[in-house]
Amino acid sequence: MEVRIGVTYTPKEIELDLGDDADRDGLMKDVDAALGKETNVLWVTDRRGRKVGVPSTKIAYVEIGSPHDDRRVGFGAH
């Protein structure tokens, strides 16, 4: 499952590739909890075990992909 986090005041996104067994609903609850208070940090662990923390005051948006998204590579991929 792919997750993109937009951060305020920067055009770049934080892109994370979570494991196939990632809990989509659990992640959404973590995002809601982090955004509920200004002093929280959203922590996400990717499939390689890398932990990424984003202060809740800097989160512009969170895009959570489908757990069954197909990866499309190359020309003509739709």
PDB file of N, CA and C in Angstrom:
ATOM      1  N   MET A   1       0.856  -1.165   0.000  1.00  0.00           N
ATOM      2  CA  MET A   1       0.000   0.000   0.000  1.00  0.00           C
ATOM      3  C   MET A   1       0.904   1.230   0.000  1.00  0.00           C
ATOM      4  N   GLU A   2       0.581   2.167  -0.845  1.00  0.00           N
ATOM      5  CA  GLU A   2       1.364   3.379  -0.978  1.00  0.00           C
ATOM      6  C   GLU A   2       0.707   4.520  -0.202  1.00  0.00           C
ATOM      7  N   VAL A   3       1.539   5.316   0.487  1.00  0.00           N
ATOM      8  CA  VAL A   3       1.052   6.453   1.259  1.00  0.00           C
ATOM      9  C   VAL A   3       1.852   7.685   0.839  1.00  0.00           C
ATOM     10  N   ARG A   4       1.157   8.780   0.591  1.00  0.00           N
ATOM     11  CA  ARG A   4       1.797  10.058   0.272  1.00  0.00           C
ATOM     12  C   ARG A   4       1.356  11.077   1.307  1.00  0.00           C
ATOM     13  N   ILE A   5       2.334  11.783   1.842  1.00  0.00           N
ATOM     14  CA  ILE A   5       2.050  12.807   2.838  1.00  0.00           C
ATOM     15  C   ILE A   5       2.550  14.136   2.298  1.00  0.00           C
ATOM     16  N   GLY A   6       1.644  15.074   2.145  1.00  0.00           N
ATOM     17  CA  GLY A   6       2.009  16.416   1.723  1.00  0.00           C
ATOM     18  C   GLY A   6       2.385  17.233   2.940  1.00  0.00           C
ATOM     19  N   VAL A   7       3.483  17.971   2.825  1.00  0.00           N
ATOM     20  CA  VAL A   7       3.983  18.776   3.933  1.00  0.00           C
ATOM     21  C   VAL A   7       3.848  20.251   3.555  1.00  0.00           C
ATOM     22  N   THR A   8       3.396  21.060   4.494  1.00  0.00           N
ATOM     23  CA  THR A   8       3.191  22.483   4.218  1.00  0.00           C
ATOM     24  C   THR A   8       4.504  23.181   3.884  1.00  0.00           C
ATOM     25  N   TYR A   9       4.413  24.192   3.058  1.00  0.00           N
ATOM     26  CA  TYR A   9       5.524  25.049   2.654  1.00  0.00           C
ATOM     27  C   TYR A   9       6.619  24.330   1.864  1.00  0.00           C
ATOM     28  N   THR A  10       6.295  23.196   1.256  1.00  0.00           N
ATOM     29  CA  THR A  10       7.246  22.518   0.377  1.00  0.00           C
ATOM     30  C   THR A  10       6.477  21.791  -0.724  1.00  0.00           C
ATOM     31  N   PRO A  11       6.986  21.809  -1.936  1.00  0.00           N
ATOM     32  CA  PRO A  11       6.279  21.125  -3.026  1.00  0.00           C
ATOM     33  C   PRO A  11       6.497  19.614  -3.027  1.00  0.00           C
ATOM     34  N   LYS A  12       7.423  19.124  -2.230  1.00  0.00           N
ATOM     35  CA  LYS A  12       7.712  17.694  -2.211  1.00  0.00           C
ATOM     36  C   LYS A  12       6.737  16.941  -1.322  1.00  0.00           C
ATOM     37  N   GLU A  13       6.567  15.672  -1.650  1.00  0.00           N
ATOM     38  CA  GLU A  13       5.731  14.779  -0.847  1.00  0.00           C
ATOM     39  C   GLU A  13       6.622  13.720  -0.208  1.00  0.00           C
ATOM     40  N   ILE A  14       6.174  13.203   0.907  1.00  0.00           N
ATOM     41  CA  ILE A  14       6.830  12.049   1.509  1.00  0.00           C
ATOM     42  C   ILE A  14       6.086  10.832   0.987  1.00  0.00           C
ATOM     43  N   GLU A  15       6.788   9.952   0.284  1.00  0.00           N
ATOM     44  CA  GLU A  15       6.170   8.750  -0.279  1.00  0.00           C
ATOM     45  C   GLU A  15       6.683   7.529   0.458  1.00  0.00           C
ATOM     46  N   LEU A  16       5.750   6.725   0.937  1.00  0.00           N
ATOM     47  CA  LEU A  16       6.089   5.513   1.668  1.00  0.00           C
ATOM     48  C   LEU A  16       5.396   4.320   1.036  1.00  0.00           C
ATOM     49  N   ASP A  17       6.098   3.227   0.969  1.00  0.00           N
ATOM     50  CA  ASP A  17       5.530   1.978   0.474  1.00  0.00           C
ATOM     51  C   ASP A  17       5.399   1.050   1.670  1.00  0.00           C
ATOM     52  N   LEU A  18       4.171   0.847   2.131  1.00  0.00           N
ATOM     53  CA  LEU A  18       3.926  -0.005   3.286  1.00  0.00           C
ATOM     54  C   LEU A  18       3.796  -1.447   2.836  1.00  0.00           C
ATOM     55  N   GLY A  19       3.944  -2.351   3.754  1.00  0.00           N
ATOM     56  CA  GLY A  19       3.826  -3.766   3.432  1.00  0.00           C
ATOM     57  C   GLY A  19       2.428  -4.134   2.979  1.00  0.00           C
ATOM     58  N   ASP A  20       2.327  -5.287   2.334  1.00  0.00           N
ATOM     59  CA  ASP A  20       1.035  -5.761   1.844  1.00  0.00           C
ATOM     60  C   ASP A  20       0.052  -6.027   2.979  1.00  0.00           C
ATOM     61  N   ASP A  21       0.581  -6.275   4.170  1.00  0.00           N
ATOM     62  CA  ASP A  21      -0.277  -6.567   5.312  1.00  0.00           C
ATOM     63  C   ASP A  21      -0.603  -5.321   6.141  1.00  0.00           C
ATOM     64  N   ALA A  22      -0.301  -4.129   5.608  1.00  0.00           N
ATOM     65  CA  ALA A  22      -0.556  -2.885   6.336  1.00  0.00           C
ATOM     66  C   ALA A  22      -2.044  -2.713   6.611  1.00  0.00           C
ATOM     67  N   ASP A  23      -2.347  -2.215   7.798  1.00  0.00           N
ATOM     68  CA  ASP A  23      -3.729  -2.011   8.232  1.00  0.00           C
ATOM     69  C   ASP A  23      -4.193  -0.616   7.821  1.00  0.00           C
ATOM     70  N   ARG A  24      -4.975  -0.558   6.753  1.00  0.00           N
ATOM     71  CA  ARG A  24      -5.460   0.719   6.198  1.00  0.00           C
ATOM     72  C   ARG A  24      -6.294   1.489   7.226  1.00  0.00           C
ATOM     73  N   ASP A  25      -7.222   0.812   7.885  1.00  0.00           N
ATOM     74  CA  ASP A  25      -8.075   1.481   8.872  1.00  0.00           C
ATOM     75  C   ASP A  25      -7.266   1.957  10.081  1.00  0.00           C
ATOM     76  N   GLY A  26      -6.294   1.152  10.488  1.00  0.00           N
ATOM     77  CA  GLY A  26      -5.432   1.540  11.595  1.00  0.00           C
ATOM     78  C   GLY A  26      -4.615   2.786  11.263  1.00  0.00           C
ATOM     79  N   LEU A  27      -4.127   2.851  10.032  1.00  0.00           N
ATOM     80  CA  LEU A  27      -3.366   4.021   9.593  1.00  0.00           C
ATOM     81  C   LEU A  27      -4.248   5.264   9.580  1.00  0.00           C
ATOM     82  N   MET A  28      -5.475   5.115   9.115  1.00  0.00           N
ATOM     83  CA  MET A  28      -6.400   6.251   9.096  1.00  0.00           C
ATOM     84  C   MET A  28      -6.676   6.744  10.516  1.00  0.00           C
ATOM     85  N   LYS A  29      -6.789   5.844  11.475  1.00  0.00           N
ATOM     86  CA  LYS A  29      -6.987   6.242  12.875  1.00  0.00           C
ATOM     87  C   LYS A  29      -5.761   6.964  13.413  1.00  0.00           C
ATOM     88  N   ASP A  30      -4.564   6.493  13.032  1.00  0.00           N
ATOM     89  CA  ASP A  30      -3.333   7.162  13.453  1.00  0.00           C
ATOM     90  C   ASP A  30      -3.254   8.576  12.887  1.00  0.00           C
ATOM     91  N   VAL A  31      -3.662   8.746  11.629  1.00  0.00           N
ATOM     92  CA  VAL A  31      -3.674  10.078  11.008  1.00  0.00           C
ATOM     93  C   VAL A  31      -4.655  10.981  11.739  1.00  0.00           C
ATOM     94  N   ASP A  32      -5.853  10.480  12.016  1.00  0.00           N
ATOM     95  CA  ASP A  32      -6.853  11.270  12.742  1.00  0.00           C
ATOM     96  C   ASP A  32      -6.338  11.682  14.118  1.00  0.00           C
ATOM     97  N   ALA A  33      -5.687  10.759  14.819  1.00  0.00           N
ATOM     98  CA  ALA A  33      -5.168  11.066  16.152  1.00  0.00           C
ATOM     99  C   ALA A  33      -4.063  12.117  16.087  1.00  0.00           C
ATOM    100  N   ALA A  34      -3.182  12.007  15.085  1.00  0.00           N
ATOM    101  CA  ALA A  34      -2.092  12.986  14.948  1.00  0.00           C
ATOM    102  C   ALA A  34      -2.629  14.363  14.613  1.00  0.00           C
ATOM    103  N   LEU A  35      -3.655  14.423  13.784  1.00  0.00           N
ATOM    104  CA  LEU A  35      -4.211  15.718  13.391  1.00  0.00           C
ATOM    105  C   LEU A  35      -5.106  16.318  14.467  1.00  0.00           C
ATOM    106  N   GLY A  36      -5.454  15.526  15.472  1.00  0.00           N
ATOM    107  CA  GLY A  36      -6.344  16.000  16.528  1.00  0.00           C
ATOM    108  C   GLY A  36      -5.699  16.988  17.482  1.00  0.00           C
ATOM    109  N   LYS A  37      -4.359  16.971  17.568  1.00  0.00           N
ATOM    110  CA  LYS A  37      -3.648  17.865  18.477  1.00  0.00           C
ATOM    111  C   LYS A  37      -2.442  18.438  17.763  1.00  0.00           C
ATOM    112  N   GLU A  38      -2.102  19.666  18.111  1.00  0.00           N
ATOM    113  CA  GLU A  38      -0.979  20.324  17.451  1.00  0.00           C
ATOM    114  C   GLU A  38       0.378  19.778  17.884  1.00  0.00           C
ATOM    115  N   THR A  39       0.427  19.072  18.989  1.00  0.00           N
ATOM    116  CA  THR A  39       1.716  18.591  19.498  1.00  0.00           C
ATOM    117  C   THR A  39       2.005  17.147  19.101  1.00  0.00           C
ATOM    118  N   ASN A  40       1.140  16.528  18.313  1.00  0.00           N
ATOM    119  CA  ASN A  40       1.337  15.135  17.927  1.00  0.00           C
ATOM    120  C   ASN A  40       2.275  14.993  16.734  1.00  0.00           C
ATOM    121  N   VAL A  41       2.801  13.788  16.590  1.00  0.00           N
ATOM    122  CA  VAL A  41       3.618  13.418  15.451  1.00  0.00           C
ATOM    123  C   VAL A  41       3.007  12.164  14.844  1.00  0.00           C
ATOM    124  N   LEU A  42       2.861  12.157  13.525  1.00  0.00           N
ATOM    125  CA  LEU A  42       2.383  10.974  12.814  1.00  0.00           C
ATOM    126  C   LEU A  42       3.598  10.117  12.495  1.00  0.00           C
ATOM    127  N   TRP A  43       3.643   8.913  13.045  1.00  0.00           N
ATOM    128  CA  TRP A  43       4.730   7.968  12.781  1.00  0.00           C
ATOM    129  C   TRP A  43       4.217   6.871  11.871  1.00  0.00           C
ATOM    130  N   VAL A  44       4.948   6.605  10.785  1.00  0.00           N
ATOM    131  CA  VAL A  44       4.595   5.549   9.837  1.00  0.00           C
ATOM    132  C   VAL A  44       5.850   4.721   9.578  1.00  0.00           C
ATOM    133  N   THR A  45       5.687   3.398   9.543  1.00  0.00           N
ATOM    134  CA  THR A  45       6.797   2.487   9.272  1.00  0.00           C
ATOM    135  C   THR A  45       6.586   1.844   7.916  1.00  0.00           C
ATOM    136  N   ASP A  46       7.576   1.944   7.036  1.00  0.00           N
ATOM    137  CA  ASP A  46       7.437   1.366   5.697  1.00  0.00           C
ATOM    138  C   ASP A  46       7.825  -0.112   5.692  1.00  0.00           C
ATOM    139  N   ARG A  47       7.759  -0.730   4.519  1.00  0.00           N
ATOM    140  CA  ARG A  47       7.985  -2.173   4.417  1.00  0.00           C
ATOM    141  C   ARG A  47       9.412  -2.581   4.744  1.00  0.00           C
ATOM    142  N   ARG A  48      10.359  -1.649   4.684  1.00  0.00           N
ATOM    143  CA  ARG A  48      11.751  -1.954   5.014  1.00  0.00           C
ATOM    144  C   ARG A  48      12.078  -1.676   6.478  1.00  0.00           C
ATOM    145  N   GLY A  49      11.082  -1.240   7.238  1.00  0.00           N
ATOM    146  CA  GLY A  49      11.287  -0.960   8.655  1.00  0.00           C
ATOM    147  C   GLY A  49      11.708   0.472   8.949  1.00  0.00           C
ATOM    148  N   ARG A  50      11.764   1.311   7.920  1.00  0.00           N
ATOM    149  CA  ARG A  50      12.131   2.716   8.103  1.00  0.00           C
ATOM    150  C   ARG A  50      10.966   3.452   8.748  1.00  0.00           C
ATOM    151  N   LYS A  51      11.249   4.182   9.827  1.00  0.00           N
ATOM    152  CA  LYS A  51      10.213   4.948  10.518  1.00  0.00           C
ATOM    153  C   LYS A  51      10.322   6.407  10.104  1.00  0.00           C
ATOM    154  N   VAL A  52       9.174   7.000   9.766  1.00  0.00           N
ATOM    155  CA  VAL A  52       9.118   8.400   9.357  1.00  0.00           C
ATOM    156  C   VAL A  52       8.126   9.118  10.263  1.00  0.00           C
ATOM    157  N   GLY A  53       8.560  10.217  10.844  1.00  0.00           N
ATOM    158  CA  GLY A  53       7.693  11.020  11.700  1.00  0.00           C
ATOM    159  C   GLY A  53       7.467  12.393  11.100  1.00  0.00           C
ATOM    160  N   VAL A  54       6.216  12.818  11.069  1.00  0.00           N
ATOM    161  CA  VAL A  54       5.866  14.137  10.530  1.00  0.00           C
ATOM    162  C   VAL A  54       5.049  14.862  11.598  1.00  0.00           C
ATOM    163  N   PRO A  55       5.492  16.057  12.011  1.00  0.00           N
ATOM    164  CA  PRO A  55       4.712  16.825  12.989  1.00  0.00           C
ATOM    165  C   PRO A  55       3.326  17.144  12.430  1.00  0.00           C
ATOM    166  N   SER A  56       2.320  16.993  13.252  1.00  0.00           N
ATOM    167  CA  SER A  56       0.940  17.179  12.785  1.00  0.00           C
ATOM    168  C   SER A  56       0.686  18.588  12.264  1.00  0.00           C
ATOM    169  N   THR A  57       1.394  19.564  12.761  1.00  0.00           N
ATOM    170  CA  THR A  57       1.177  20.942  12.311  1.00  0.00           C
ATOM    171  C   THR A  57       1.720  21.174  10.903  1.00  0.00           C
ATOM    172  N   LYS A  58       2.525  20.262  10.381  1.00  0.00           N
ATOM    173  CA  LYS A  58       3.122  20.409   9.053  1.00  0.00           C
ATOM    174  C   LYS A  58       2.429  19.562   7.988  1.00  0.00           C
ATOM    175  N   ILE A  59       1.436  18.755   8.378  1.00  0.00           N
ATOM    176  CA  ILE A  59       0.760  17.875   7.424  1.00  0.00           C
ATOM    177  C   ILE A  59      -0.283  18.661   6.641  1.00  0.00           C
ATOM    178  N   ALA A  60      -0.125  18.674   5.308  1.00  0.00           N
ATOM    179  CA  ALA A  60      -1.098  19.336   4.443  1.00  0.00           C
ATOM    180  C   ALA A  60      -2.185  18.351   4.034  1.00  0.00           C
ATOM    181  N   TYR A  61      -1.784  17.109   3.703  1.00  0.00           N
ATOM    182  CA  TYR A  61      -2.737  16.061   3.332  1.00  0.00           C
ATOM    183  C   TYR A  61      -2.065  14.703   3.434  1.00  0.00           C
ATOM    184  N   VAL A  62      -2.888  13.673   3.509  1.00  0.00           N
ATOM    185  CA  VAL A  62      -2.410  12.289   3.507  1.00  0.00           C
ATOM    186  C   VAL A  62      -3.229  11.533   2.483  1.00  0.00           C
ATOM    187  N   GLU A  63      -2.544  10.909   1.538  1.00  0.00           N
ATOM    188  CA  GLU A  63      -3.206  10.108   0.502  1.00  0.00           C
ATOM    189  C   GLU A  63      -2.827   8.648   0.734  1.00  0.00           C
ATOM    190  N   ILE A  64      -3.842   7.823   0.966  1.00  0.00           N
ATOM    191  CA  ILE A  64      -3.617   6.401   1.225  1.00  0.00           C
ATOM    192  C   ILE A  64      -4.120   5.621   0.026  1.00  0.00           C
ATOM    193  N   GLY A  65      -3.211   4.917  -0.636  1.00  0.00           N
ATOM    194  CA  GLY A  65      -3.577   4.130  -1.806  1.00  0.00           C
ATOM    195  C   GLY A  65      -4.266   2.844  -1.425  1.00  0.00           C
ATOM    196  N   SER A  66      -4.848   2.207  -2.395  1.00  0.00           N
ATOM    197  CA  SER A  66      -5.514   0.933  -2.196  1.00  0.00           C
ATOM    198  C   SER A  66      -4.476  -0.136  -1.868  1.00  0.00           C
ATOM    199  N   PRO A  67      -4.795  -1.065  -0.987  1.00  0.00           N
ATOM    200  CA  PRO A  67      -3.835  -2.127  -0.683  1.00  0.00           C
ATOM    201  C   PRO A  67      -3.578  -3.038  -1.880  1.00  0.00           C
ATOM    202  N   HIS A  68      -4.403  -2.956  -2.913  1.00  0.00           N
ATOM    203  CA  HIS A  68      -4.263  -3.835  -4.072  1.00  0.00           C
ATOM    204  C   HIS A  68      -3.889  -3.076  -5.327  1.00  0.00           C
ATOM    205  N   ASP A  69      -3.285  -1.878  -5.178  1.00  0.00           N
ATOM    206  CA  ASP A  69      -2.862  -1.106  -6.349  1.00  0.00           C
ATOM    207  C   ASP A  69      -1.824  -1.879  -7.136  1.00  0.00           C
ATOM    208  N   ASP A  70      -1.996  -1.913  -8.446  1.00  0.00           N
ATOM    209  CA  ASP A  70      -0.995  -2.526  -9.313  1.00  0.00           C
ATOM    210  C   ASP A  70       0.066  -1.487  -9.622  1.00  0.00           C
ATOM    211  N   ARG A  71       1.314  -1.921  -9.607  1.00  0.00           N
ATOM    212  CA  ARG A  71       2.392  -1.021  -9.989  1.00  0.00           C
ATOM    213  C   ARG A  71       2.491  -1.007 -11.498  1.00  0.00           C
ATOM    214  N   ARG A  72       2.515   0.177 -12.077  1.00  0.00           N
ATOM    215  CA  ARG A  72       2.567   0.324 -13.522  1.00  0.00           C
ATOM    216  C   ARG A  72       3.880   0.994 -13.891  1.00  0.00           C
ATOM    217  N   VAL A  73       4.612   0.345 -14.737  1.00  0.00           N
ATOM    218  CA  VAL A  73       5.922   0.842 -15.116  1.00  0.00           C
ATOM    219  C   VAL A  73       6.046   0.852 -16.628  1.00  0.00           C
ATOM    220  N   GLY A  74       6.656   1.892 -17.156  1.00  0.00           N
ATOM    221  CA  GLY A  74       6.965   1.916 -18.585  1.00  0.00           C
ATOM    222  C   GLY A  74       5.988   2.745 -19.378  1.00  0.00           C
ATOM    223  N   PHE A  75       6.227   2.781 -20.680  1.00  0.00           N
ATOM    224  CA  PHE A  75       5.393   3.564 -21.575  1.00  0.00           C
ATOM    225  C   PHE A  75       4.073   2.854 -21.818  1.00  0.00           C
ATOM    226  N   GLY A  76       3.034   3.624 -21.939  1.00  0.00           N
ATOM    227  CA  GLY A  76       1.725   3.078 -22.254  1.00  0.00           C
ATOM    228  C   GLY A  76       1.007   2.444 -21.085  1.00  0.00           C
ATOM    229  N   ALA A  77       1.562   2.552 -19.871  1.00  0.00           N
ATOM    230  CA  ALA A  77       0.887   2.000 -18.701  1.00  0.00           C
ATOM    231  C   ALA A  77      -0.256   2.923 -18.321  1.00  0.00           C
ATOM    232  N   HIS A  78      -1.448   2.380 -18.155  1.00  0.00           N
ATOM    233  CA  HIS A  78      -2.614   3.192 -17.811  1.00  0.00           C
ATOM    234  C   HIS A  78      -3.209   2.704 -16.533  1.00  0.00           C
TER     235      HIS A  78
END
